[in-house]
């Protein structure tokens, strides 16, 4: 049996499979991107694919604390669009 990689959601603290999470990355150039491949270079944080979790992350600014950079509202809007399209 193959080992399933688990990652921790920074908002809920749940350990989930990588495929049920979204990775947000602060690149070496200090820009913030949504990493759909899961392989982008830089410091990453994971969020559960849930609208409430993303809205809570925006409200509490937890991504800014984990990535140590300001996160634009456009990133949160794009995350919400990404979840609704799945």
PDB file of N, CA and C in Angstrom:
ATOM      1  N   UNK A   1       0.825  -1.190   0.000  1.00  0.00           N
ATOM      2  CA  UNK A   1       0.000   0.000   0.000  1.00  0.00           C
ATOM      3  C   UNK A   1       0.869   1.254   0.000  1.00  0.00           C
ATOM      4  N   UNK A   2       0.465   2.219  -0.782  1.00  0.00           N
ATOM      5  CA  UNK A   2       1.221   3.459  -0.889  1.00  0.00           C
ATOM      6  C   UNK A   2       0.840   4.409   0.245  1.00  0.00           C
ATOM      7  N   UNK A   3       1.824   5.086   0.776  1.00  0.00           N
ATOM      8  CA  UNK A   3       1.594   6.047   1.843  1.00  0.00           C
ATOM      9  C   UNK A   3       0.928   7.300   1.279  1.00  0.00           C
ATOM     10  N   UNK A   4      -0.130   7.775   1.947  1.00  0.00           N
ATOM     11  CA  UNK A   4      -0.853   8.969   1.508  1.00  0.00           C
ATOM     12  C   UNK A   4      -0.265  10.178   2.245  1.00  0.00           C
ATOM     13  N   UNK A   5       0.236  11.183   1.492  1.00  0.00           N
ATOM     14  CA  UNK A   5       0.823  12.349   2.160  1.00  0.00           C
ATOM     15  C   UNK A   5      -0.256  13.193   2.850  1.00  0.00           C
ATOM     16  N   UNK A   6      -0.024  13.517   4.106  1.00  0.00           N
ATOM     17  CA  UNK A   6      -0.944  14.355   4.863  1.00  0.00           C
ATOM     18  C   UNK A   6      -0.315  15.712   5.115  1.00  0.00           C
ATOM     19  N   UNK A   7      -1.144  16.742   5.082  1.00  0.00           N
ATOM     20  CA  UNK A   7      -0.704  18.102   5.378  1.00  0.00           C
ATOM     21  C   UNK A   7      -1.699  18.732   6.335  1.00  0.00           C
ATOM     22  N   UNK A   8      -1.274  19.765   7.045  1.00  0.00           N
ATOM     23  CA  UNK A   8      -2.106  20.400   8.062  1.00  0.00           C
ATOM     24  C   UNK A   8      -2.673  21.719   7.551  1.00  0.00           C
ATOM     25  N   UNK A   9      -3.985  21.885   7.671  1.00  0.00           N
ATOM     26  CA  UNK A   9      -4.640  23.144   7.318  1.00  0.00           C
ATOM     27  C   UNK A   9      -4.273  24.175   8.382  1.00  0.00           C
ATOM     28  N   UNK A  10      -3.829  25.356   7.959  1.00  0.00           N
ATOM     29  CA  UNK A  10      -3.395  26.380   8.913  1.00  0.00           C
ATOM     30  C   UNK A  10      -4.562  27.011   9.667  1.00  0.00           C
ATOM     31  N   UNK A  11      -5.781  26.875   9.158  1.00  0.00           N
ATOM     32  CA  UNK A  11      -6.954  27.457   9.818  1.00  0.00           C
ATOM     33  C   UNK A  11      -7.578  26.475  10.804  1.00  0.00           C
ATOM     34  N   UNK A  12      -7.895  25.273  10.332  1.00  0.00           N
ATOM     35  CA  UNK A  12      -8.609  24.308  11.168  1.00  0.00           C
ATOM     36  C   UNK A  12      -7.684  23.426  12.000  1.00  0.00           C
ATOM     37  N   UNK A  13      -6.445  23.275  11.551  1.00  0.00           N
ATOM     38  CA  UNK A  13      -5.511  22.404  12.257  1.00  0.00           C
ATOM     39  C   UNK A  13      -5.700  20.925  11.919  1.00  0.00           C
ATOM     40  N   UNK A  14      -6.600  20.621  10.990  1.00  0.00           N
ATOM     41  CA  UNK A  14      -6.859  19.236  10.596  1.00  0.00           C
ATOM     42  C   UNK A  14      -5.735  18.716   9.716  1.00  0.00           C
ATOM     43  N   UNK A  15      -5.421  17.430   9.875  1.00  0.00           N
ATOM     44  CA  UNK A  15      -4.476  16.772   8.980  1.00  0.00           C
ATOM     45  C   UNK A  15      -5.299  16.082   7.905  1.00  0.00           C
ATOM     46  N   UNK A  16      -5.066  16.490   6.652  1.00  0.00           N
ATOM     47  CA  UNK A  16      -5.841  15.977   5.526  1.00  0.00           C
ATOM     48  C   UNK A  16      -4.917  15.556   4.399  1.00  0.00           C
ATOM     49  N   UNK A  17      -5.471  14.795   3.449  1.00  0.00           N
ATOM     50  CA  UNK A  17      -4.713  14.426   2.256  1.00  0.00           C
ATOM     51  C   UNK A  17      -4.406  15.677   1.453  1.00  0.00           C
ATOM     52  N   UNK A  18      -3.269  15.676   0.766  1.00  0.00           N
ATOM     53  CA  UNK A  18      -2.873  16.847  -0.033  1.00  0.00           C
ATOM     54  C   UNK A  18      -3.926  17.233  -1.060  1.00  0.00           C
ATOM     55  N   UNK A  19      -4.627  16.247  -1.637  1.00  0.00           N
ATOM     56  CA  UNK A  19      -5.594  16.552  -2.688  1.00  0.00           C
ATOM     57  C   UNK A  19      -6.836  17.266  -2.167  1.00  0.00           C
ATOM     58  N   UNK A  20      -7.075  17.264  -0.862  1.00  0.00           N
ATOM     59  CA  UNK A  20      -8.235  17.967  -0.314  1.00  0.00           C
ATOM     60  C   UNK A  20      -7.844  19.329   0.259  1.00  0.00           C
ATOM     61  N   UNK A  21      -6.625  19.760  -0.045  1.00  0.00           N
ATOM     62  CA  UNK A  21      -6.124  21.055   0.419  1.00  0.00           C
ATOM     63  C   UNK A  21      -5.636  21.888  -0.767  1.00  0.00           C
ATOM     64  N   UNK A  22      -5.534  23.184  -0.552  1.00  0.00           N
ATOM     65  CA  UNK A  22      -4.962  24.104  -1.538  1.00  0.00           C
ATOM     66  C   UNK A  22      -3.694  24.683  -0.933  1.00  0.00           C
ATOM     67  N   UNK A  23      -2.628  24.735  -1.719  1.00  0.00           N
ATOM     68  CA  UNK A  23      -1.356  25.283  -1.241  1.00  0.00           C
ATOM     69  C   UNK A  23      -1.203  26.715  -1.735  1.00  0.00           C
ATOM     70  N   UNK A  24      -0.887  27.601  -0.803  1.00  0.00           N
ATOM     71  CA  UNK A  24      -0.601  29.000  -1.124  1.00  0.00           C
ATOM     72  C   UNK A  24       0.880  29.203  -0.818  1.00  0.00           C
ATOM     73  N   UNK A  25       1.596  29.841  -1.746  1.00  0.00           N
ATOM     74  CA  UNK A  25       3.054  29.924  -1.645  1.00  0.00           C
ATOM     75  C   UNK A  25       3.533  31.367  -1.679  1.00  0.00           C
ATOM     76  N   UNK A  26       4.511  31.664  -0.810  1.00  0.00           N
ATOM     77  CA  UNK A  26       5.267  32.909  -0.929  1.00  0.00           C
ATOM     78  C   UNK A  26       6.543  32.542  -1.681  1.00  0.00           C
ATOM     79  N   UNK A  27       6.662  33.084  -2.880  1.00  0.00           N
ATOM     80  CA  UNK A  27       7.806  32.759  -3.726  1.00  0.00           C
ATOM     81  C   UNK A  27       9.064  33.457  -3.198  1.00  0.00           C
ATOM     82  N   UNK A  28      10.240  33.047  -3.676  1.00  0.00           N
ATOM     83  CA  UNK A  28      11.477  33.730  -3.260  1.00  0.00           C
ATOM     84  C   UNK A  28      11.484  35.229  -3.586  1.00  0.00           C
ATOM     85  N   UNK A  29      10.634  35.653  -4.545  1.00  0.00           N
ATOM     86  CA  UNK A  29      10.533  37.079  -4.897  1.00  0.00           C
ATOM     87  C   UNK A  29       9.515  37.812  -4.002  1.00  0.00           C
ATOM     88  N   UNK A  30       9.007  37.138  -2.958  1.00  0.00           N
ATOM     89  CA  UNK A  30       8.025  37.677  -2.008  1.00  0.00           C
ATOM     90  C   UNK A  30       6.666  37.980  -2.623  1.00  0.00           C
ATOM     91  N   UNK A  31       6.292  37.291  -3.690  1.00  0.00           N
ATOM     92  CA  UNK A  31       4.929  37.398  -4.203  1.00  0.00           C
ATOM     93  C   UNK A  31       4.155  36.168  -3.727  1.00  0.00           C
ATOM     94  N   UNK A  32       2.842  36.295  -3.646  1.00  0.00           N
ATOM     95  CA  UNK A  32       1.996  35.204  -3.167  1.00  0.00           C
ATOM     96  C   UNK A  32       1.227  34.625  -4.346  1.00  0.00           C
ATOM     97  N   UNK A  33       1.287  33.301  -4.491  1.00  0.00           N
ATOM     98  CA  UNK A  33       0.582  32.625  -5.584  1.00  0.00           C
ATOM     99  C   UNK A  33      -0.193  31.426  -5.035  1.00  0.00           C
ATOM    100  N   UNK A  34      -1.193  31.013  -5.806  1.00  0.00           N
ATOM    101  CA  UNK A  34      -1.908  29.776  -5.503  1.00  0.00           C
ATOM    102  C   UNK A  34      -1.207  28.670  -6.276  1.00  0.00           C
ATOM    103  N   UNK A  35      -0.734  27.667  -5.560  1.00  0.00           N
ATOM    104  CA  UNK A  35       0.045  26.586  -6.166  1.00  0.00           C
ATOM    105  C   UNK A  35      -0.864  25.394  -6.432  1.00  0.00           C
ATOM    106  N   UNK A  36      -1.371  25.304  -7.659  1.00  0.00           N
ATOM    107  CA  UNK A  36      -2.274  24.198  -8.005  1.00  0.00           C
ATOM    108  C   UNK A  36      -1.515  22.898  -8.239  1.00  0.00           C
ATOM    109  N   UNK A  37      -0.221  22.978  -8.553  1.00  0.00           N
ATOM    110  CA  UNK A  37       0.565  21.770  -8.797  1.00  0.00           C
ATOM    111  C   UNK A  37       1.082  21.170  -7.499  1.00  0.00           C
ATOM    112  N   UNK A  38       1.230  21.992  -6.460  1.00  0.00           N
ATOM    113  CA  UNK A  38       1.779  21.505  -5.195  1.00  0.00           C
ATOM    114  C   UNK A  38       3.286  21.407  -5.199  1.00  0.00           C
ATOM    115  N   UNK A  39       3.920  21.993  -6.215  1.00  0.00           N
ATOM    116  CA  UNK A  39       5.372  21.869  -6.345  1.00  0.00           C
ATOM    117  C   UNK A  39       6.105  23.201  -6.510  1.00  0.00           C
ATOM    118  N   UNK A  40       5.408  24.299  -6.377  1.00  0.00           N
ATOM    119  CA  UNK A  40       6.056  25.601  -6.582  1.00  0.00           C
ATOM    120  C   UNK A  40       7.114  25.844  -5.514  1.00  0.00           C
ATOM    121  N   UNK A  41       8.155  26.541  -5.913  1.00  0.00           N
ATOM    122  CA  UNK A  41       9.254  26.845  -5.024  1.00  0.00           C
ATOM    123  C   UNK A  41       8.868  27.980  -4.074  1.00  0.00           C
ATOM    124  N   UNK A  42       9.130  27.806  -2.792  1.00  0.00           N
ATOM    125  CA  UNK A  42       8.860  28.859  -1.823  1.00  0.00           C
ATOM    126  C   UNK A  42       8.217  28.320  -0.561  1.00  0.00           C
ATOM    127  N   UNK A  43       7.893  29.219   0.349  1.00  0.00           N
ATOM    128  CA  UNK A  43       7.270  28.847   1.616  1.00  0.00           C
ATOM    129  C   UNK A  43       5.774  28.653   1.393  1.00  0.00           C
ATOM    130  N   UNK A  44       5.249  27.512   1.800  1.00  0.00           N
ATOM    131  CA  UNK A  44       3.856  27.197   1.543  1.00  0.00           C
ATOM    132  C   UNK A  44       3.015  27.077   2.797  1.00  0.00           C
ATOM    133  N   UNK A  45       1.722  27.278   2.622  1.00  0.00           N
ATOM    134  CA  UNK A  45       0.733  27.062   3.671  1.00  0.00           C
ATOM    135  C   UNK A  45      -0.471  26.400   3.010  1.00  0.00           C
ATOM    136  N   UNK A  46      -1.123  25.524   3.746  1.00  0.00           N
ATOM    137  CA  UNK A  46      -2.247  24.778   3.192  1.00  0.00           C
ATOM    138  C   UNK A  46      -3.567  25.236   3.788  1.00  0.00           C
ATOM    139  N   UNK A  47      -4.599  25.297   2.930  1.00  0.00           N
ATOM    140  CA  UNK A  47      -5.965  25.608   3.356  1.00  0.00           C
ATOM    141  C   UNK A  47      -6.892  24.506   2.861  1.00  0.00           C
ATOM    142  N   UNK A  48      -7.841  24.142   3.697  1.00  0.00           N
ATOM    143  CA  UNK A  48      -8.858  23.170   3.324  1.00  0.00           C
ATOM    144  C   UNK A  48      -9.722  23.759   2.213  1.00  0.00           C
ATOM    145  N   UNK A  49     -10.152  22.927   1.278  1.00  0.00           N
ATOM    146  CA  UNK A  49     -11.001  23.390   0.177  1.00  0.00           C
ATOM    147  C   UNK A  49     -12.426  23.584   0.684  1.00  0.00           C
ATOM    148  N   UNK A  50     -12.620  24.667   1.435  1.00  0.00           N
ATOM    149  CA  UNK A  50     -13.917  24.967   2.039  1.00  0.00           C
ATOM    150  C   UNK A  50     -14.079  26.483   2.079  1.00  0.00           C
ATOM    151  N   UNK A  51     -15.229  26.970   1.629  1.00  0.00           N
ATOM    152  CA  UNK A  51     -15.458  28.409   1.557  1.00  0.00           C
ATOM    153  C   UNK A  51     -15.343  29.075   2.932  1.00  0.00           C
ATOM    154  N   UNK A  52     -15.897  28.424   3.972  1.00  0.00           N
ATOM    155  CA  UNK A  52     -15.844  28.989   5.324  1.00  0.00           C
ATOM    156  C   UNK A  52     -14.407  29.120   5.812  1.00  0.00           C
ATOM    157  N   UNK A  53     -13.578  28.138   5.492  1.00  0.00           N
ATOM    158  CA  UNK A  53     -12.171  28.153   5.912  1.00  0.00           C
ATOM    159  C   UNK A  53     -11.435  29.312   5.246  1.00  0.00           C
ATOM    160  N   UNK A  54     -11.689  29.526   3.968  1.00  0.00           N
ATOM    161  CA  UNK A  54     -11.021  30.619   3.248  1.00  0.00           C
ATOM    162  C   UNK A  54     -11.470  31.971   3.795  1.00  0.00           C
ATOM    163  N   UNK A  55     -12.755  32.116   4.055  1.00  0.00           N
ATOM    164  CA  UNK A  55     -13.249  33.377   4.613  1.00  0.00           C
ATOM    165  C   UNK A  55     -12.682  33.624   6.007  1.00  0.00           C
ATOM    166  N   UNK A  56     -12.537  32.564   6.795  1.00  0.00           N
ATOM    167  CA  UNK A  56     -11.942  32.707   8.130  1.00  0.00           C
ATOM    168  C   UNK A  56     -10.466  33.080   8.026  1.00  0.00           C
ATOM    169  N   UNK A  57      -9.766  32.499   7.057  1.00  0.00           N
ATOM    170  CA  UNK A  57      -8.348  32.823   6.846  1.00  0.00           C
ATOM    171  C   UNK A  57      -8.197  34.302   6.476  1.00  0.00           C
ATOM    172  N   UNK A  58      -9.125  34.794   5.653  1.00  0.00           N
ATOM    173  CA  UNK A  58      -9.092  36.203   5.253  1.00  0.00           C
ATOM    174  C   UNK A  58      -9.357  37.115   6.451  1.00  0.00           C
ATOM    175  N   UNK A  59     -10.331  36.739   7.262  1.00  0.00           N
ATOM    176  CA  UNK A  59     -10.716  37.550   8.419  1.00  0.00           C
ATOM    177  C   UNK A  59      -9.609  37.592   9.480  1.00  0.00           C
ATOM    178  N   UNK A  60      -9.000  36.443   9.759  1.00  0.00           N
ATOM    179  CA  UNK A  60      -7.985  36.362  10.815  1.00  0.00           C
ATOM    180  C   UNK A  60      -6.574  36.671  10.325  1.00  0.00           C
ATOM    181  N   UNK A  61      -6.403  36.775   8.996  1.00  0.00           N
ATOM    182  CA  UNK A  61      -5.095  37.045   8.374  1.00  0.00           C
ATOM    183  C   UNK A  61      -4.053  35.999   8.750  1.00  0.00           C
ATOM    184  N   UNK A  62      -4.493  34.761   8.896  1.00  0.00           N
ATOM    185  CA  UNK A  62      -3.579  33.691   9.294  1.00  0.00           C
ATOM    186  C   UNK A  62      -2.548  33.371   8.211  1.00  0.00           C
ATOM    187  N   UNK A  63      -2.928  33.534   6.934  1.00  0.00           N
ATOM    188  CA  UNK A  63      -1.953  33.301   5.857  1.00  0.00           C
ATOM    189  C   UNK A  63      -0.810  34.302   5.929  1.00  0.00           C
ATOM    190  N   UNK A  64      -1.140  35.541   6.264  1.00  0.00           N
ATOM    191  CA  UNK A  64      -0.098  36.566   6.386  1.00  0.00           C
ATOM    192  C   UNK A  64       0.889  36.203   7.488  1.00  0.00           C
ATOM    193  N   UNK A  65       0.402  35.616   8.570  1.00  0.00           N
ATOM    194  CA  UNK A  65       1.278  35.215   9.670  1.00  0.00           C
ATOM    195  C   UNK A  65       2.171  34.050   9.266  1.00  0.00           C
ATOM    196  N   UNK A  66       1.611  33.076   8.552  1.00  0.00           N
ATOM    197  CA  UNK A  66       2.387  31.902   8.146  1.00  0.00           C
ATOM    198  C   UNK A  66       3.375  32.214   7.034  1.00  0.00           C
ATOM    199  N   UNK A  67       2.958  33.032   6.078  1.00  0.00           N
ATOM    200  CA  UNK A  67       3.830  33.331   4.939  1.00  0.00           C
ATOM    201  C   UNK A  67       4.725  34.544   5.178  1.00  0.00           C
ATOM    202  N   UNK A  68       4.447  35.281   6.258  1.00  0.00           N
ATOM    203  CA  UNK A  68       5.238  36.452   6.642  1.00  0.00           C
ATOM    204  C   UNK A  68       5.281  37.506   5.537  1.00  0.00           C
ATOM    205  N   UNK A  69       4.134  37.723   4.883  1.00  0.00           N
ATOM    206  CA  UNK A  69       4.001  38.722   3.823  1.00  0.00           C
ATOM    207  C   UNK A  69       2.522  39.080   3.720  1.00  0.00           C
ATOM    208  N   UNK A  70       2.199  40.284   3.219  1.00  0.00           N
ATOM    209  CA  UNK A  70       0.798  40.656   3.084  1.00  0.00           C
ATOM    210  C   UNK A  70       0.164  39.899   1.910  1.00  0.00           C
ATOM    211  N   UNK A  71      -1.058  39.444   2.123  1.00  0.00           N
ATOM    212  CA  UNK A  71      -1.788  38.680   1.107  1.00  0.00           C
ATOM    213  C   UNK A  71      -2.935  39.546   0.603  1.00  0.00           C
ATOM    214  N   UNK A  72      -2.951  39.800  -0.709  1.00  0.00           N
ATOM    215  CA  UNK A  72      -3.996  40.632  -1.312  1.00  0.00           C
ATOM    216  C   UNK A  72      -5.343  39.924  -1.298  1.00  0.00           C
ATOM    217  N   UNK A  73      -6.419  40.719  -1.320  1.00  0.00           N
ATOM    218  CA  UNK A  73      -7.774  40.174  -1.381  1.00  0.00           C
ATOM    219  C   UNK A  73      -8.003  39.392  -2.674  1.00  0.00           C
ATOM    220  N   UNK A  74      -7.249  39.711  -3.719  1.00  0.00           N
ATOM    221  CA  UNK A  74      -7.379  39.005  -5.005  1.00  0.00           C
ATOM    222  C   UNK A  74      -7.073  37.513  -4.828  1.00  0.00           C
ATOM    223  N   UNK A  75      -6.107  37.192  -3.990  1.00  0.00           N
ATOM    224  CA  UNK A  75      -5.753  35.791  -3.732  1.00  0.00           C
ATOM    225  C   UNK A  75      -6.941  35.056  -3.124  1.00  0.00           C
ATOM    226  N   UNK A  76      -7.595  35.687  -2.140  1.00  0.00           N
ATOM    227  CA  UNK A  76      -8.753  35.055  -1.500  1.00  0.00           C
ATOM    228  C   UNK A  76      -9.905  34.902  -2.497  1.00  0.00           C
ATOM    229  N   UNK A  77     -10.116  35.909  -3.331  1.00  0.00           N
ATOM    230  CA  UNK A  77     -11.169  35.833  -4.351  1.00  0.00           C
ATOM    231  C   UNK A  77     -10.893  34.691  -5.322  1.00  0.00           C
ATOM    232  N   UNK A  78      -9.626  34.555  -5.736  1.00  0.00           N
ATOM    233  CA  UNK A  78      -9.247  33.481  -6.653  1.00  0.00           C
ATOM    234  C   UNK A  78      -9.407  32.108  -5.996  1.00  0.00           C
ATOM    235  N   UNK A  79      -9.113  32.025  -4.692  1.00  0.00           N
ATOM    236  CA  UNK A  79      -9.303  30.768  -3.967  1.00  0.00           C
ATOM    237  C   UNK A  79     -10.774  30.367  -3.954  1.00  0.00           C
ATOM    238  N   UNK A  80     -11.641  31.335  -3.705  1.00  0.00           N
ATOM    239  CA  UNK A  80     -13.081  31.058  -3.680  1.00  0.00           C
ATOM    240  C   UNK A  80     -13.582  30.605  -5.057  1.00  0.00           C
ATOM    241  N   UNK A  81     -13.090  31.257  -6.118  1.00  0.00           N
ATOM    242  CA  UNK A  81     -13.461  30.852  -7.475  1.00  0.00           C
ATOM    243  C   UNK A  81     -12.984  29.431  -7.769  1.00  0.00           C
ATOM    244  N   UNK A  82     -11.774  29.137  -7.340  1.00  0.00           N
ATOM    245  CA  UNK A  82     -11.182  27.814  -7.574  1.00  0.00           C
ATOM    246  C   UNK A  82     -12.024  26.724  -6.912  1.00  0.00           C
ATOM    247  N   UNK A  83     -12.485  26.978  -5.707  1.00  0.00           N
ATOM    248  CA  UNK A  83     -13.294  25.979  -4.981  1.00  0.00           C
ATOM    249  C   UNK A  83     -14.648  25.796  -5.649  1.00  0.00           C
ATOM    250  N   UNK A  84     -15.262  26.887  -6.078  1.00  0.00           N
ATOM    251  CA  UNK A  84     -16.589  26.804  -6.698  1.00  0.00           C
ATOM    252  C   UNK A  84     -16.550  26.081  -8.041  1.00  0.00           C
ATOM    253  N   UNK A  85     -15.395  26.108  -8.723  1.00  0.00           N
ATOM    254  CA  UNK A  85     -15.269  25.447 -10.018  1.00  0.00           C
ATOM    255  C   UNK A  85     -15.044  23.941  -9.889  1.00  0.00           C
ATOM    256  N   UNK A  86     -14.739  23.460  -8.693  1.00  0.00           N
ATOM    257  CA  UNK A  86     -14.478  22.015  -8.524  1.00  0.00           C
ATOM    258  C   UNK A  86     -15.744  21.242  -8.335  1.00  0.00           C
TER     259      UNK A  86
END
